[in-house]
C-alpha atoms as a PDB file:
ATOM      1  CA  MET A   1      -9.120   9.776  11.965  1.00  0.00           C
ATOM      2  CA  ARG A   2     -12.892  10.185  12.716  1.00  0.00           C
ATOM      3  CA  ILE A   3     -14.859   7.303  11.238  1.00  0.00           C
ATOM      4  CA  VAL A   4     -18.580   6.806  10.568  1.00  0.00           C
ATOM      5  CA  PHE A   5     -19.168   3.175   9.999  1.00  0.00           C
ATOM      6  CA  LEU A   6     -22.224   2.099   7.883  1.00  0.00           C
ATOM      7  CA  GLY A   7     -23.145  -1.618   8.015  1.00  0.00           C
ATOM      8  CA  SER A   8     -25.684  -4.226   8.760  1.00  0.00           C
ATOM      9  CA  GLY A   9     -24.468  -7.792   8.415  1.00  0.00           C
ATOM     10  CA  ALA A  10     -21.797  -9.705  10.386  1.00  0.00           C
ATOM     11  CA  PHE A  11     -19.283  -9.453   7.494  1.00  0.00           C
ATOM     12  CA  GLY A  12     -18.206  -5.943   8.659  1.00  0.00           C
ATOM     13  CA  GLY A  13     -17.896  -7.022  12.342  1.00  0.00           C
ATOM     14  CA  PRO A  14     -14.131  -7.790  12.357  1.00  0.00           C
ATOM     15  CA  THR A  15     -13.401  -4.481  10.643  1.00  0.00           C
ATOM     16  CA  LEU A  16     -15.525  -2.401  13.045  1.00  0.00           C
ATOM     17  CA  GLU A  17     -13.847  -4.117  16.081  1.00  0.00           C
ATOM     18  CA  ALA A  18     -10.357  -3.458  14.604  1.00  0.00           C
ATOM     19  CA  LEU A  19     -11.102   0.200  13.911  1.00  0.00           C
ATOM     20  CA  VAL A  20     -12.468   0.754  17.483  1.00  0.00           C
ATOM     21  CA  ALA A  21      -9.321  -0.899  18.897  1.00  0.00           C
ATOM     22  CA  ASP A  22      -6.825   1.015  16.808  1.00  0.00           C
ATOM     23  CA  PRO A  23      -5.825   4.383  18.386  1.00  0.00           C
ATOM     24  CA  PHE A  24      -5.196   5.806  14.996  1.00  0.00           C
ATOM     25  CA  PHE A  25      -8.966   5.799  14.437  1.00  0.00           C
ATOM     26  CA  GLU A  26     -12.052   7.075  16.343  1.00  0.00           C
ATOM     27  CA  VAL A  27     -15.360   5.499  15.350  1.00  0.00           C
ATOM     28  CA  VAL A  28     -17.744   8.212  16.212  1.00  0.00           C
ATOM     29  CA  LEU A  29     -20.976   6.769  14.887  1.00  0.00           C
ATOM     30  CA  ALA A  30     -22.283   3.471  13.520  1.00  0.00           C
ATOM     31  CA  VAL A  31     -25.226   3.691  11.027  1.00  0.00           C
ATOM     32  CA  THR A  32     -27.378   0.569  10.729  1.00  0.00           C
ATOM     33  CA  PRO A  33     -30.905  -0.548   9.689  1.00  0.00           C
ATOM     34  CA  PRO A  34     -33.635  -0.589  12.278  1.00  0.00           C
ATOM     35  CA  ASP A  35     -34.224  -3.581  14.503  1.00  0.00           C
ATOM     36  CA  ARG A  36     -36.066  -6.350  12.640  1.00  0.00           C
ATOM     37  CA  PRO A  37     -38.362  -9.237  13.779  1.00  0.00           C
ATOM     38  CA  ALA A  38     -36.359 -12.453  14.167  1.00  0.00           C
ATOM     39  CA  GLY A  39     -36.694 -15.944  15.383  1.00  0.00           C
ATOM     40  CA  ARG A  40     -39.785 -18.073  15.744  1.00  0.00           C
ATOM     41  CA  ARG A  41     -41.364 -15.502  18.146  1.00  0.00           C
ATOM     42  CA  ARG A  42     -40.547 -12.624  15.642  1.00  0.00           C
ATOM     43  CA  ARG A  43     -39.149 -10.499  18.390  1.00  0.00           C
ATOM     44  CA  LEU A  44     -37.295  -7.307  17.363  1.00  0.00           C
ATOM     45  CA  ALA A  45     -33.537  -7.944  17.171  1.00  0.00           C
ATOM     46  CA  PRO A  46     -30.793  -5.575  16.187  1.00  0.00           C
ATOM     47  CA  ALA A  47     -28.657  -6.012  13.080  1.00  0.00           C
ATOM     48  CA  PRO A  48     -25.342  -7.582  13.883  1.00  0.00           C
ATOM     49  CA  ILE A  49     -23.458  -4.309  13.457  1.00  0.00           C
ATOM     50  CA  ALA A  50     -25.885  -2.473  15.721  1.00  0.00           C
ATOM     51  CA  ALA A  51     -25.445  -5.112  18.463  1.00  0.00           C
ATOM     52  CA  LEU A  52     -21.664  -5.071  18.168  1.00  0.00           C
ATOM     53  CA  ALA A  53     -21.480  -1.247  18.070  1.00  0.00           C
ATOM     54  CA  GLU A  54     -23.439  -0.952  21.255  1.00  0.00           C
ATOM     55  CA  ARG A  55     -21.249  -3.599  22.971  1.00  0.00           C
ATOM     56  CA  LEU A  56     -18.148  -1.527  21.888  1.00  0.00           C
ATOM     57  CA  GLY A  57     -19.674   1.770  23.144  1.00  0.00           C
ATOM     58  CA  VAL A  58     -20.148   3.243  19.696  1.00  0.00           C
ATOM     59  CA  PRO A  59     -23.183   5.546  19.258  1.00  0.00           C
ATOM     60  CA  VAL A  60     -25.706   3.878  16.840  1.00  0.00           C
ATOM     61  CA  LEU A  61     -28.028   5.604  14.319  1.00  0.00           C
ATOM     62  CA  ARG A  62     -30.831   3.265  13.138  1.00  0.00           C
ATOM     63  CA  THR A  63     -32.338   4.312   9.911  1.00  0.00           C
ATOM     64  CA  GLU A  64     -34.268   2.953   6.902  1.00  0.00           C
ATOM     65  CA  ASN A  65     -32.715   5.590   4.634  1.00  0.00           C
ATOM     66  CA  CYS A  66     -29.441   7.101   5.640  1.00  0.00           C
ATOM     67  CA  ASN A  67     -30.031   9.914   2.991  1.00  0.00           C
ATOM     68  CA  GLU A  68     -32.975  11.484   4.863  1.00  0.00           C
ATOM     69  CA  VAL A  69     -32.315  15.073   5.843  1.00  0.00           C
ATOM     70  CA  SER A  70     -32.434  14.438   9.617  1.00  0.00           C
ATOM     71  CA  ASP A  71     -30.082  11.369   9.348  1.00  0.00           C
ATOM     72  CA  LEU A  72     -27.763  13.288   7.041  1.00  0.00           C
ATOM     73  CA  ALA A  73     -27.598  16.081   9.596  1.00  0.00           C
ATOM     74  CA  THR A  74     -26.753  13.514  12.406  1.00  0.00           C
ATOM     75  CA  ILE A  75     -23.988  12.083  10.308  1.00  0.00           C
ATOM     76  CA  GLU A  76     -22.615  15.471   9.331  1.00  0.00           C
ATOM     77  CA  ALA A  77     -22.691  16.552  13.018  1.00  0.00           C
ATOM     78  CA  ALA A  78     -20.397  13.620  13.823  1.00  0.00           C
ATOM     79  CA  ALA A  79     -17.709  15.355  11.665  1.00  0.00           C
ATOM     80  CA  PRO A  80     -16.351  12.262   9.997  1.00  0.00           C
ATOM     81  CA  GLU A  81     -13.146  12.261   8.003  1.00  0.00           C
ATOM     82  CA  ALA A  82     -14.047   8.970   6.407  1.00  0.00           C
ATOM     83  CA  LEU A  83     -17.095   6.837   5.799  1.00  0.00           C
ATOM     84  CA  VAL A  84     -16.584   3.018   5.881  1.00  0.00           C
ATOM     85  CA  VAL A  85     -19.385   1.063   4.278  1.00  0.00           C
ATOM     86  CA  ILE A  86     -19.517  -2.749   4.612  1.00  0.00           C
ATOM     87  CA  ALA A  87     -22.599  -4.922   3.887  1.00  0.00           C
ATOM     88  CA  PHE A  88     -24.909  -2.048   4.469  1.00  0.00           C
ATOM     89  CA  GLY A  89     -27.715  -2.539   2.000  1.00  0.00           C
ATOM     90  CA  GLN A  90     -28.533   1.130   1.509  1.00  0.00           C
ATOM     91  CA  LYS A  91     -27.302   3.317  -1.320  1.00  0.00           C
ATOM     92  CA  LEU A  92     -25.494   6.464  -0.174  1.00  0.00           C
ATOM     93  CA  GLY A  93     -26.568   9.609  -2.049  1.00  0.00           C
ATOM     94  CA  ARG A  94     -24.164  12.207  -3.362  1.00  0.00           C
ATOM     95  CA  PRO A  95     -24.657  14.674  -0.424  1.00  0.00           C
ATOM     96  CA  LEU A  96     -23.688  11.914   2.024  1.00  0.00           C
ATOM     97  CA  CYS A  97     -20.685  10.760   0.015  1.00  0.00           C
ATOM     98  CA  ASP A  98     -19.481  14.351  -0.202  1.00  0.00           C
ATOM     99  CA  LEU A  99     -19.174  14.643   3.558  1.00  0.00           C
ATOM    100  CA  ALA A 100     -15.949  12.718   3.750  1.00  0.00           C
ATOM    101  CA  PHE A 101     -13.623  10.227   2.074  1.00  0.00           C
ATOM    102  CA  ALA A 102     -16.016   7.238   1.432  1.00  0.00           C
ATOM    103  CA  VAL A 103     -14.934   3.626   0.869  1.00  0.00           C
ATOM    104  CA  ASN A 104     -16.694   0.281   0.538  1.00  0.00           C
ATOM    105  CA  LEU A 105     -15.461  -3.215   1.341  1.00  0.00           C
ATOM    106  CA  HIS A 106     -16.698  -5.758  -1.176  1.00  0.00           C
ATOM    107  CA  ALA A 107     -16.269  -9.534  -0.963  1.00  0.00           C
ATOM    108  CA  SER A 108     -14.967 -10.291  -4.490  1.00  0.00           C
ATOM    109  CA  LEU A 109     -12.105  -9.593  -6.798  1.00  0.00           C
ATOM    110  CA  LEU A 110     -13.782  -6.783  -8.697  1.00  0.00           C
ATOM    111  CA  PRO A 111     -15.026  -6.410 -11.386  1.00  0.00           C
ATOM    112  CA  ALA A 112     -16.152 -10.047 -10.965  1.00  0.00           C
ATOM    113  CA  HIS A 113     -19.256 -10.671  -8.863  1.00  0.00           C
ATOM    114  CA  ARG A 114     -20.666  -7.174  -8.381  1.00  0.00           C
ATOM    115  CA  GLY A 115     -23.930  -7.366  -6.446  1.00  0.00           C
ATOM    116  CA  ALA A 116     -25.625  -8.817  -3.374  1.00  0.00           C
ATOM    117  CA  ALA A 117     -24.123 -12.319  -3.166  1.00  0.00           C
ATOM    118  CA  PRO A 118     -20.453 -12.314  -4.246  1.00  0.00           C
ATOM    119  CA  ILE A 119     -19.303 -15.005  -1.864  1.00  0.00           C
ATOM    120  CA  GLN A 120     -21.977 -17.419  -2.805  1.00  0.00           C
ATOM    121  CA  ARG A 121     -21.759 -16.720  -6.555  1.00  0.00           C
ATOM    122  CA  ALA A 122     -17.999 -17.150  -6.552  1.00  0.00           C
ATOM    123  CA  LEU A 123     -18.438 -20.737  -5.269  1.00  0.00           C
ATOM    124  CA  MET A 124     -21.504 -21.469  -7.381  1.00  0.00           C
ATOM    125  CA  SER A 125     -19.500 -20.357 -10.477  1.00  0.00           C
ATOM    126  CA  GLY A 126     -16.716 -22.796  -9.746  1.00  0.00           C
ATOM    127  CA  ASP A 127     -14.027 -20.045  -9.109  1.00  0.00           C
ATOM    128  CA  SER A 128     -10.745 -21.233  -7.782  1.00  0.00           C
ATOM    129  CA  THR A 129      -9.914 -17.818  -6.215  1.00  0.00           C
ATOM    130  CA  THR A 130     -11.782 -14.937  -4.800  1.00  0.00           C
ATOM    131  CA  GLY A 131     -10.965 -12.039  -2.356  1.00  0.00           C
ATOM    132  CA  LEU A 132     -11.797  -8.580  -1.204  1.00  0.00           C
ATOM    133  CA  CYS A 133     -11.662  -5.105  -2.739  1.00  0.00           C
ATOM    134  CA  VAL A 134     -11.742  -1.758  -1.019  1.00  0.00           C
ATOM    135  CA  ILE A 135     -13.398   0.656  -3.484  1.00  0.00           C
ATOM    136  CA  THR A 136     -14.587   4.191  -3.799  1.00  0.00           C
ATOM    137  CA  LEU A 137     -18.378   4.689  -3.966  1.00  0.00           C
ATOM    138  CA  ALA A 138     -19.917   5.136  -7.457  1.00  0.00           C
ATOM    139  CA  GLU A 139     -23.346   5.724  -8.955  1.00  0.00           C
ATOM    140  CA  ARG A 140     -23.351   2.227 -10.356  1.00  0.00           C
ATOM    141  CA  MET A 141     -23.323  -0.732  -7.928  1.00  0.00           C
ATOM    142  CA  ASP A 142     -19.786  -1.763  -6.873  1.00  0.00           C
ATOM    143  CA  ALA A 143     -18.212   0.044  -9.893  1.00  0.00           C
ATOM    144  CA  GLY A 144     -15.913   2.356  -7.968  1.00  0.00           C
ATOM    145  CA  ASP A 145     -12.137   2.535  -8.299  1.00  0.00           C
ATOM    146  CA  VAL A 146     -10.281  -0.257  -6.507  1.00  0.00           C
ATOM    147  CA  LEU A 147      -8.013   1.089  -3.745  1.00  0.00           C
ATOM    148  CA  ALA A 148      -6.854  -2.211  -2.190  1.00  0.00           C
ATOM    149  CA  ARG A 149      -7.345  -5.924  -2.919  1.00  0.00           C
ATOM    150  CA  ARG A 150      -6.700  -9.205  -1.192  1.00  0.00           C
ATOM    151  CA  GLU A 151      -6.856 -12.494  -3.038  1.00  0.00           C
ATOM    152  CA  VAL A 152      -7.334 -16.013  -1.583  1.00  0.00           C
ATOM    153  CA  ALA A 153      -7.689 -19.526  -2.909  1.00  0.00           C
ATOM    154  CA  ILE A 154     -10.980 -21.296  -2.396  1.00  0.00           C
ATOM    155  CA  GLY A 155     -10.703 -24.719  -0.760  1.00  0.00           C
ATOM    156  CA  SER A 156     -12.354 -27.627  -2.495  1.00  0.00           C
ATOM    157  CA  ALA A 157     -14.339 -28.426   0.627  1.00  0.00           C
ATOM    158  CA  GLU A 158     -15.024 -24.808   1.659  1.00  0.00           C
ATOM    159  CA  THR A 159     -18.579 -23.618   2.121  1.00  0.00           C
ATOM    160  CA  ALA A 160     -19.977 -20.123   1.669  1.00  0.00           C
ATOM    161  CA  GLY A 161     -20.240 -19.765   5.435  1.00  0.00           C
ATOM    162  CA  GLU A 162     -16.620 -20.663   6.011  1.00  0.00           C
ATOM    163  CA  LEU A 163     -15.478 -18.422   3.134  1.00  0.00           C
ATOM    164  CA  HIS A 164     -17.477 -15.577   4.484  1.00  0.00           C
ATOM    165  CA  ASP A 165     -15.744 -15.694   7.829  1.00  0.00           C
ATOM    166  CA  ARG A 166     -12.302 -16.069   6.303  1.00  0.00           C
ATOM    167  CA  LEU A 167     -12.815 -13.095   4.068  1.00  0.00           C
ATOM    168  CA  ALA A 168     -14.377 -10.952   6.902  1.00  0.00           C
ATOM    169  CA  ALA A 169     -11.123 -11.531   8.885  1.00  0.00           C
ATOM    170  CA  LEU A 170      -9.074  -9.959   6.025  1.00  0.00           C
ATOM    171  CA  GLY A 171     -11.217  -6.778   6.017  1.00  0.00           C
ATOM    172  CA  PRO A 172      -9.495  -4.961   8.908  1.00  0.00           C
ATOM    173  CA  GLU A 173      -6.089  -4.928   7.294  1.00  0.00           C
ATOM    174  CA  ALA A 174      -7.376  -3.899   3.925  1.00  0.00           C
ATOM    175  CA  VAL A 175      -9.524  -1.117   5.173  1.00  0.00           C
ATOM    176  CA  SER A 176      -6.916   0.194   7.661  1.00  0.00           C
ATOM    177  CA  GLU A 177      -4.265   0.280   4.969  1.00  0.00           C
ATOM    178  CA  THR A 178      -6.592   2.177   2.675  1.00  0.00           C
ATOM    179  CA  LEU A 179      -7.533   4.813   5.303  1.00  0.00           C
ATOM    180  CA  ARG A 180      -3.906   5.356   6.322  1.00  0.00           C
ATOM    181  CA  ARG A 181      -2.749   5.688   2.698  1.00  0.00           C
ATOM    182  CA  HIS A 182      -5.490   8.117   2.184  1.00  0.00           C
ATOM    183  CA  ARG A 183      -4.297  10.178   5.052  1.00  0.00           C
ATOM    184  CA  SER A 184      -0.643   9.996   3.737  1.00  0.00           C
ATOM    185  CA  GLY A 185      -1.794  10.849   0.096  1.00  0.00           C
ATOM    186  CA  THR A 186      -0.255   7.628  -1.322  1.00  0.00           C
ATOM    187  CA  LEU A 187      -3.441   5.890  -2.738  1.00  0.00           C
ATOM    188  CA  SER A 188      -3.311   4.648  -6.346  1.00  0.00           C
ATOM    189  CA  PRO A 189      -6.918   4.118  -7.495  1.00  0.00           C
ATOM    190  CA  GLU A 190      -7.377   1.494 -10.168  1.00  0.00           C
ATOM    191  CA  ALA A 191     -10.371   1.778 -12.568  1.00  0.00           C
ATOM    192  CA  GLN A 192     -12.304  -1.445 -13.097  1.00  0.00           C
ATOM    193  CA  ASP A 193     -12.459  -3.047 -16.492  1.00  0.00           C
ATOM    194  CA  GLU A 194     -16.136  -2.872 -17.416  1.00  0.00           C
ATOM    195  CA  GLY A 195     -15.751  -5.473 -20.046  1.00  0.00           C
ATOM    196  CA  LEU A 196     -14.927  -8.072 -17.304  1.00  0.00           C
ATOM    197  CA  ALA A 197     -17.755  -7.141 -14.952  1.00  0.00           C
ATOM    198  CA  THR A 198     -20.112  -9.964 -13.846  1.00  0.00           C
ATOM    199  CA  HIS A 199     -23.276  -9.761 -11.543  1.00  0.00           C
ATOM    200  CA  ALA A 200     -23.673 -11.713  -8.308  1.00  0.00           C
ATOM    201  CA  ALA A 201     -27.473 -11.861  -8.083  1.00  0.00           C
ATOM    202  CA  LYS A 202     -29.204 -12.241  -4.718  1.00  0.00           C
ATOM    203  CA  ILE A 203     -29.746 -15.861  -3.803  1.00  0.00           C
ATOM    204  CA  ARG A 204     -33.284 -16.971  -4.485  1.00  0.00           C
ATOM    205  CA  ARG A 205     -35.210 -19.972  -3.055  1.00  0.00           C
ATOM    206  CA  GLU A 206     -35.315 -21.595  -6.509  1.00  0.00           C
ATOM    207  CA  ASP A 207     -31.424 -21.580  -6.550  1.00  0.00           C
ATOM    208  CA  ALA A 208     -31.403 -24.283  -3.879  1.00  0.00           C
ATOM    209  CA  VAL A 209     -32.129 -27.135  -6.298  1.00  0.00           C
ATOM    210  CA  VAL A 210     -29.694 -29.980  -7.115  1.00  0.00           C
ATOM    211  CA  ASP A 211     -29.775 -30.702 -10.885  1.00  0.00           C
ATOM    212  CA  PHE A 212     -28.178 -34.133 -11.100  1.00  0.00           C
ATOM    213  CA  ASP A 213     -27.875 -33.849 -14.819  1.00  0.00           C
ATOM    214  CA  ARG A 214     -24.928 -31.413 -14.252  1.00  0.00           C
ATOM    215  CA  SER A 215     -21.453 -32.537 -13.561  1.00  0.00           C
ATOM    216  CA  ALA A 216     -20.276 -33.530 -10.034  1.00  0.00           C
ATOM    217  CA  GLU A 217     -17.639 -30.816 -10.103  1.00  0.00           C
ATOM    218  CA  PHE A 218     -20.339 -28.194 -10.997  1.00  0.00           C
ATOM    219  CA  LEU A 219     -22.611 -29.364  -8.253  1.00  0.00           C
ATOM    220  CA  ARG A 220     -19.857 -29.338  -5.698  1.00  0.00           C
ATOM    221  CA  GLY A 221     -19.419 -25.586  -6.133  1.00  0.00           C
ATOM    222  CA  TRP A 222     -23.162 -25.030  -6.442  1.00  0.00           C
ATOM    223  CA  ILE A 223     -23.935 -26.883  -3.142  1.00  0.00           C
ATOM    224  CA  HIS A 224     -21.025 -25.305  -1.246  1.00  0.00           C
ATOM    225  CA  GLY A 225     -22.109 -21.844  -2.435  1.00  0.00           C
ATOM    226  CA  LEU A 226     -25.498 -22.368  -0.832  1.00  0.00           C
ATOM    227  CA  SER A 227     -24.207 -23.893   2.423  1.00  0.00           C
ATOM    228  CA  PRO A 228     -25.145 -23.333   5.212  1.00  0.00           C
ATOM    229  CA  HIS A 229     -28.035 -21.131   3.907  1.00  0.00           C
ATOM    230  CA  PRO A 230     -30.372 -21.813   2.273  1.00  0.00           C
ATOM    231  CA  GLY A 231     -28.850 -25.181   1.607  1.00  0.00           C
ATOM    232  CA  CYS A 232     -29.583 -27.532  -1.343  1.00  0.00           C
ATOM    233  CA  THR A 233     -32.355 -29.949  -0.455  1.00  0.00           C
ATOM    234  CA  ILE A 234     -32.874 -33.460  -1.783  1.00  0.00           C
ATOM    235  CA  SER A 235     -35.281 -36.316  -1.027  1.00  0.00           C
ATOM    236  CA  ILE A 236     -34.229 -39.929  -0.471  1.00  0.00           C
ATOM    237  CA  ASP A 237     -36.862 -42.525   0.135  1.00  0.00           C
ATOM    238  CA  GLY A 238     -39.138 -39.825   1.468  1.00  0.00           C
ATOM    239  CA  ASP A 239     -36.476 -38.248   3.817  1.00  0.00           C
ATOM    240  CA  THR A 240     -35.612 -34.680   3.225  1.00  0.00           C
ATOM    241  CA  LEU A 241     -31.958 -33.690   3.538  1.00  0.00           C
ATOM    242  CA  ARG A 242     -29.956 -30.520   3.030  1.00  0.00           C
ATOM    243  CA  LEU A 243     -26.543 -31.188   1.438  1.00  0.00           C
ATOM    244  CA  LEU A 244     -24.079 -29.020   3.277  1.00  0.00           C
ATOM    245  CA  ARG A 245     -20.654 -30.479   2.124  1.00  0.00           C
ATOM    246  CA  VAL A 246     -19.847 -32.866  -0.689  1.00  0.00           C
ATOM    247  CA  GLU A 247     -16.850 -34.207  -2.643  1.00  0.00           C
ATOM    248  CA  ALA A 248     -16.813 -34.610  -6.377  1.00  0.00           C
ATOM    249  CA  ILE A 249     -15.607 -38.054  -7.522  1.00  0.00           C
ATOM    250  CA  GLY A 250     -14.445 -38.989 -11.005  1.00  0.00           C
ATOM    251  CA  ASP A 251     -15.685 -42.245 -12.687  1.00  0.00           C
ATOM    252  CA  ALA A 252     -12.258 -43.855 -12.268  1.00  0.00           C
ATOM    253  CA  ASP A 253     -12.231 -43.336  -8.505  1.00  0.00           C
ATOM    254  CA  ALA A 254     -15.980 -44.266  -7.920  1.00  0.00           C
ATOM    255  CA  GLY A 255     -15.379 -48.015  -7.810  1.00  0.00           C
ATOM    256  CA  PHE A 256     -18.682 -48.703  -9.551  1.00  0.00           C
ATOM    257  CA  ASP A 257     -18.886 -51.661 -11.759  1.00  0.00           C
ATOM    258  CA  GLY A 258     -21.124 -51.740 -14.834  1.00  0.00           C
ATOM    259  CA  ALA A 259     -22.885 -49.070 -16.785  1.00  0.00           C
ATOM    260  CA  PRO A 260     -23.450 -45.858 -14.679  1.00  0.00           C
ATOM    261  CA  PRO A 261     -27.095 -45.476 -13.473  1.00  0.00           C
ATOM    262  CA  VAL A 262     -29.233 -42.482 -14.283  1.00  0.00           C
ATOM    263  CA  PRO A 263     -28.319 -39.114 -12.774  1.00  0.00           C
ATOM    264  CA  GLY A 264     -29.608 -38.759  -9.239  1.00  0.00           C
ATOM    265  CA  THR A 265     -29.252 -42.404  -8.320  1.00  0.00           C
ATOM    266  CA  LEU A 266     -27.868 -43.213  -4.798  1.00  0.00           C
ATOM    267  CA  VAL A 267     -25.909 -46.456  -4.903  1.00  0.00           C
ATOM    268  CA  GLU A 268     -24.966 -48.773  -1.997  1.00  0.00           C
ATOM    269  CA  SER A 269     -21.532 -47.242  -1.579  1.00  0.00           C
ATOM    270  CA  GLY A 270     -23.202 -43.940  -0.696  1.00  0.00           C
ATOM    271  CA  LEU A 271     -22.312 -42.118  -3.899  1.00  0.00           C
ATOM    272  CA  LEU A 272     -24.802 -40.020  -5.957  1.00  0.00           C
ATOM    273  CA  ARG A 273     -24.578 -40.316  -9.733  1.00  0.00           C
ATOM    274  CA  CYS A 274     -24.398 -37.004 -11.715  1.00  0.00           C
ATOM    275  CA  GLY A 275     -24.431 -36.163 -15.323  1.00  0.00           C
ATOM    276  CA  GLU A 276     -20.674 -36.539 -15.231  1.00  0.00           C
ATOM    277  CA  GLY A 277     -19.044 -38.151 -12.168  1.00  0.00           C
ATOM    278  CA  TRP A 278     -20.333 -38.798  -8.687  1.00  0.00           C
ATOM    279  CA  LEU A 279     -20.952 -36.922  -5.596  1.00  0.00           C
ATOM    280  CA  ARG A 280     -19.992 -38.209  -2.165  1.00  0.00           C
ATOM    281  CA  PRO A 281     -22.031 -36.362   0.526  1.00  0.00           C
ATOM    282  CA  LEU A 282     -19.918 -35.510   3.565  1.00  0.00           C
ATOM    283  CA  GLU A 283     -22.206 -33.376   5.713  1.00  0.00           C
ATOM    284  CA  VAL A 284     -26.035 -33.251   5.636  1.00  0.00           C
ATOM    285  CA  GLN A 285     -28.851 -31.825   7.742  1.00  0.00           C
ATOM    286  CA  PRO A 286     -32.144 -33.768   8.125  1.00  0.00           C
ATOM    287  CA  ALA A 287     -35.385 -31.851   8.131  1.00  0.00           C
ATOM    288  CA  GLY A 288     -35.763 -30.426  11.638  1.00  0.00           C
ATOM    289  CA  GLY A 289     -32.388 -31.773  12.809  1.00  0.00           C
ATOM    290  CA  ARG A 290     -28.835 -30.664  13.238  1.00  0.00           C
ATOM    291  CA  PRO A 291     -25.973 -30.926  10.726  1.00  0.00           C
ATOM    292  CA  MET A 292     -24.391 -34.358  10.818  1.00  0.00           C
ATOM    293  CA  ALA A 293     -21.934 -36.598   8.931  1.00  0.00           C
ATOM    294  CA  TRP A 294     -23.456 -38.323   5.951  1.00  0.00           C
ATOM    295  CA  GLN A 295     -22.264 -41.684   7.185  1.00  0.00           C
ATOM    296  CA  ALA A 296     -23.942 -41.102  10.514  1.00  0.00           C
ATOM    297  CA  TRP A 297     -27.157 -40.265   8.812  1.00  0.00           C
ATOM    298  CA  ARG A 298     -26.928 -43.506   6.738  1.00  0.00           C
ATOM    299  CA  ARG A 299     -26.356 -45.633   9.832  1.00  0.00           C
ATOM    300  CA  GLY A 300     -29.620 -44.446  11.211  1.00  0.00           C
ATOM    301  CA  ARG A 301     -31.517 -45.620   8.119  1.00  0.00           C
ATOM    302  CA  ARG A 302     -32.166 -49.063   6.656  1.00  0.00           C
ATOM    303  CA  THR A 303     -29.309 -50.557   4.604  1.00  0.00           C
ATOM    304  CA  LEU A 304     -29.569 -49.548   0.982  1.00  0.00           C
ATOM    305  CA  ARG A 305     -29.545 -52.831  -1.003  1.00  0.00           C
ATOM    306  CA  THR A 306     -30.807 -51.471  -4.283  1.00  0.00           C
ATOM    307  CA  PRO A 307     -30.093 -48.143  -5.967  1.00  0.00           C
ATOM    308  CA  THR A 308     -32.522 -45.301  -4.967  1.00  0.00           C
ATOM    309  CA  LEU A 309     -33.237 -42.194  -6.954  1.00  0.00           C
ATOM    310  CA  ALA A 310     -32.568 -38.946  -5.047  1.00  0.00           C
ATOM    311  CA  THR A 311     -34.719 -35.976  -6.200  1.00  0.00           C
ATOM    312  CA  SER A 312     -35.223 -32.343  -5.366  1.00  0.00           C
ATOM    313  CA  PRO A 313     -38.456 -31.850  -3.475  1.00  0.00           C
END
């Protein structure tokens, strides 16, 4: 089966590699955005999918808009039997979709978390499960029929970065199964329930704030959903820290005697008071430094003898 792969981010990498390695498929073209400035020196760098495709020997078409007449002609000349779209960032117009059987791999259990940040928003919403869906392309974002799905439990200590990699590793099987079932005529499309649809909005800088008036359990999911990027930042005695991994602790397990302090208070045991319960930081990143264990960071600071208020900068 001749495949044109359309992608940008690293999420589609495992699926592209698997399609290239499988003799059932022939990836004849990878369509990606143009190279972008990256790093401190702002040198042009390829999108992750472009770099991977070139390493695998797959021809690459770089384009700002895959629907342009010249780009459409290039894709059509590749004679694809299927278009596989993963984390691409460009909307495919009807003429392009009509060229071949077209599917998209989306990182949520649709219709939940349609949109740009499904992995982060699943964690930030406190979901206990998430997964993948292979869907048909539709006019409305992520609203196509579901052709395959994979469900996974979210670990209590799992971050968005770790969940991203775990879900990406499930992509090859789901996409391969869908394409093979398409060839054999055994697909059973499932329409999404529009009444259950939710939106996974793009992560904004203002999301990376810790509101200690919220419960510890809520903040655990919120912080993990923003880890490692952009990370939730707090300030303690003038030191700026990104919280990368935390644990939610109930009042009964906190071992704190007396009336609970105000939300945001860091006590001697290393716990942070929340509106309900406590947070125990596990992994942090100092400003300009590398990720490190919370206890290691504390050992490098003066001993905390009185409660200190942690705030968002």
